[in-house]
Amino acid sequence: MKSATLANGDVLFYERMPMVVPAGGPSVRQSTFWLPVPLLPDPVVQVTIDPKDAIGGTQVMGIYGIVVGTKDNPTEVVISIQTATGHEVSGRYFCNLIVIGTPEVAAAQDTSGE
C-alpha cells in the first residue's frame, strides 16, 4: 500500500488490487486491503471498480459493502461488489482504493500535550 502524509497530519493511502470471487459465488467480487497503521474512526474512503474484461459489459456491478477496520483487525479494509441482478459474471475486476484518515498514533501524540 502506498501512502503520503498530508499537510494537516492525515495520511492518504492508495492501492489497486484484483478482486476475487468469494464464497458468495460468481455474482460477487471482493478485495481485502491492509492499512499499515490503525486510523481513527470514520476515515474518508473512495472506491472505484475497473472491469478489465467487460468491454461494453452487460452486468452492472454495485458496491454493497465497505468495511473499514474491525475490533480484531483495525487495519483491514474490505470492499465487496455484486451484480445488480444477482446473475453470475466472468472476467477480471480490479478495485482502486483511496483512504484518508488520521493515524491513531498521531492523534494520541497530539493530545498528550508534548
Protein backbone atom coordinates (compact mmCIF):
# COMPACT_ATOMS: atom_id res chain seq x y z
CA MET A 1 0.00 0.00 0.00
CA LYS A 2 1.34 3.41 -0.96
CA SER A 3 0.87 6.47 1.24
CA ALA A 4 1.51 10.20 1.53
CA THR A 5 1.30 12.41 4.60
CA LEU A 6 -0.88 15.47 4.09
CA ALA A 7 -0.16 18.96 5.47
CA ASN A 8 -2.73 18.54 8.28
CA GLY A 9 -1.11 15.29 9.51
CA ASP A 10 -3.68 12.96 7.96
CA VAL A 11 -2.38 10.20 5.71
CA LEU A 12 -3.62 9.31 2.23
CA PHE A 13 -3.33 5.59 1.43
CA TYR A 14 -3.93 4.17 -2.04
CA GLU A 15 -3.71 0.85 -3.83
CA ARG A 16 -5.08 -1.11 -6.80
CA MET A 17 -5.83 -4.80 -6.38
CA PRO A 18 -7.55 -7.59 -8.34
CA MET A 19 -10.88 -8.70 -6.93
CA VAL A 20 -11.53 -12.38 -6.13
CA VAL A 21 -14.69 -14.46 -6.20
CA PRO A 22 -15.54 -15.16 -2.53
CA ALA A 23 -17.82 -17.84 -1.08
CA GLY A 24 -20.84 -15.82 -2.27
CA GLY A 25 -20.35 -17.12 -5.80
CA PRO A 26 -19.55 -15.70 -9.25
CA SER A 27 -22.01 -12.80 -8.99
CA VAL A 28 -19.80 -11.31 -6.25
CA ARG A 29 -16.24 -9.94 -6.12
CA GLN A 30 -14.20 -8.88 -3.09
CA SER A 31 -10.86 -7.26 -2.25
CA THR A 32 -9.18 -7.02 1.14
CA PHE A 33 -6.64 -4.28 1.78
CA TRP A 34 -4.41 -3.81 4.84
CA LEU A 35 -3.51 -0.31 6.04
CA PRO A 36 -0.06 -0.05 7.63
CA VAL A 37 -1.44 1.70 10.74
CA PRO A 38 -4.82 1.84 12.54
CA LEU A 39 -6.86 5.00 11.86
CA LEU A 40 -9.28 6.98 13.99
CA PRO A 41 -12.94 6.14 13.25
CA ASP A 42 -14.65 7.37 10.09
CA PRO A 43 -11.84 7.86 7.58
CA VAL A 44 -12.72 9.07 4.08
CA VAL A 45 -12.93 6.10 1.69
CA GLN A 46 -13.16 6.29 -2.10
CA VAL A 47 -13.57 3.16 -4.22
CA THR A 48 -13.75 2.63 -7.97
CA ILE A 49 -14.18 -0.70 -9.73
CA ASP A 50 -12.46 -1.42 -13.04
CA PRO A 51 -13.91 -4.30 -15.11
CA LYS A 52 -10.89 -5.28 -17.23
CA ASP A 53 -12.68 -7.83 -19.44
CA ALA A 54 -16.17 -6.35 -19.55
CA ILE A 55 -15.95 -4.07 -22.59
CA GLY A 56 -19.49 -2.81 -23.07
CA GLY A 57 -20.43 -5.01 -20.12
CA THR A 58 -23.94 -6.32 -19.79
CA GLN A 59 -23.99 -6.59 -15.98
CA VAL A 60 -23.94 -3.64 -13.60
CA MET A 61 -21.77 -4.26 -10.52
CA GLY A 62 -22.65 -2.29 -7.40
CA ILE A 63 -20.66 -1.79 -4.22
CA TYR A 64 -22.66 -3.31 -1.38
CA GLY A 65 -20.06 -3.44 1.35
CA ILE A 66 -17.24 -1.23 2.61
CA VAL A 67 -15.84 -2.32 5.96
CA VAL A 68 -13.03 -0.21 7.45
CA GLY A 69 -11.42 -1.80 10.46
CA THR A 70 -12.90 -4.14 12.99
CA LYS A 71 -12.11 -4.75 16.63
CA ASP A 72 -9.98 -7.76 15.69
CA ASN A 73 -8.35 -6.22 12.58
CA PRO A 74 -8.17 -2.42 12.88
CA THR A 75 -6.17 -2.02 9.67
CA GLU A 76 -8.35 -4.18 7.40
CA VAL A 77 -10.46 -2.66 4.59
CA VAL A 78 -12.85 -4.99 2.75
CA ILE A 79 -14.65 -3.96 -0.44
CA SER A 80 -17.49 -6.15 -1.77
CA ILE A 81 -19.40 -5.79 -5.05
CA GLN A 82 -22.23 -7.76 -6.65
CA THR A 83 -24.21 -7.73 -9.87
CA ALA A 84 -27.44 -5.77 -9.62
CA THR A 85 -29.43 -8.79 -10.78
CA GLY A 86 -27.52 -11.48 -8.90
CA HIS A 87 -26.52 -13.16 -12.19
CA GLU A 88 -23.08 -14.71 -12.50
CA VAL A 89 -20.38 -12.75 -14.33
CA SER A 90 -17.00 -13.74 -15.64
CA GLY A 91 -13.91 -11.66 -16.21
CA ARG A 92 -11.39 -9.78 -14.14
CA TYR A 93 -12.34 -6.88 -11.89
CA PHE A 94 -9.93 -4.55 -10.12
CA CYS A 95 -10.59 -2.40 -7.06
CA ASN A 96 -8.97 1.02 -6.69
CA LEU A 97 -8.95 2.22 -3.08
CA ILE A 98 -8.17 5.62 -1.56
CA VAL A 99 -8.38 6.13 2.21
CA ILE A 100 -7.66 9.41 4.02
CA GLY A 101 -7.53 9.34 7.79
CA THR A 102 -5.75 10.28 10.98
CA PRO A 103 -3.44 7.58 12.35
CA GLU A 104 -4.27 6.65 15.95
CA VAL A 105 -0.64 7.20 16.97
CA ALA A 106 -0.61 10.78 15.62
CA ALA A 107 -3.89 11.58 17.39
CA ALA A 108 -2.54 10.23 20.70
CA GLN A 109 0.60 12.36 20.37
CA ASP A 110 -1.44 15.50 19.64
CA THR A 111 -3.46 15.10 22.85
CA SER A 112 -0.50 14.32 25.11
CA GLY A 113 0.48 17.99 25.46
CA GLU A 114 4.09 17.37 24.42
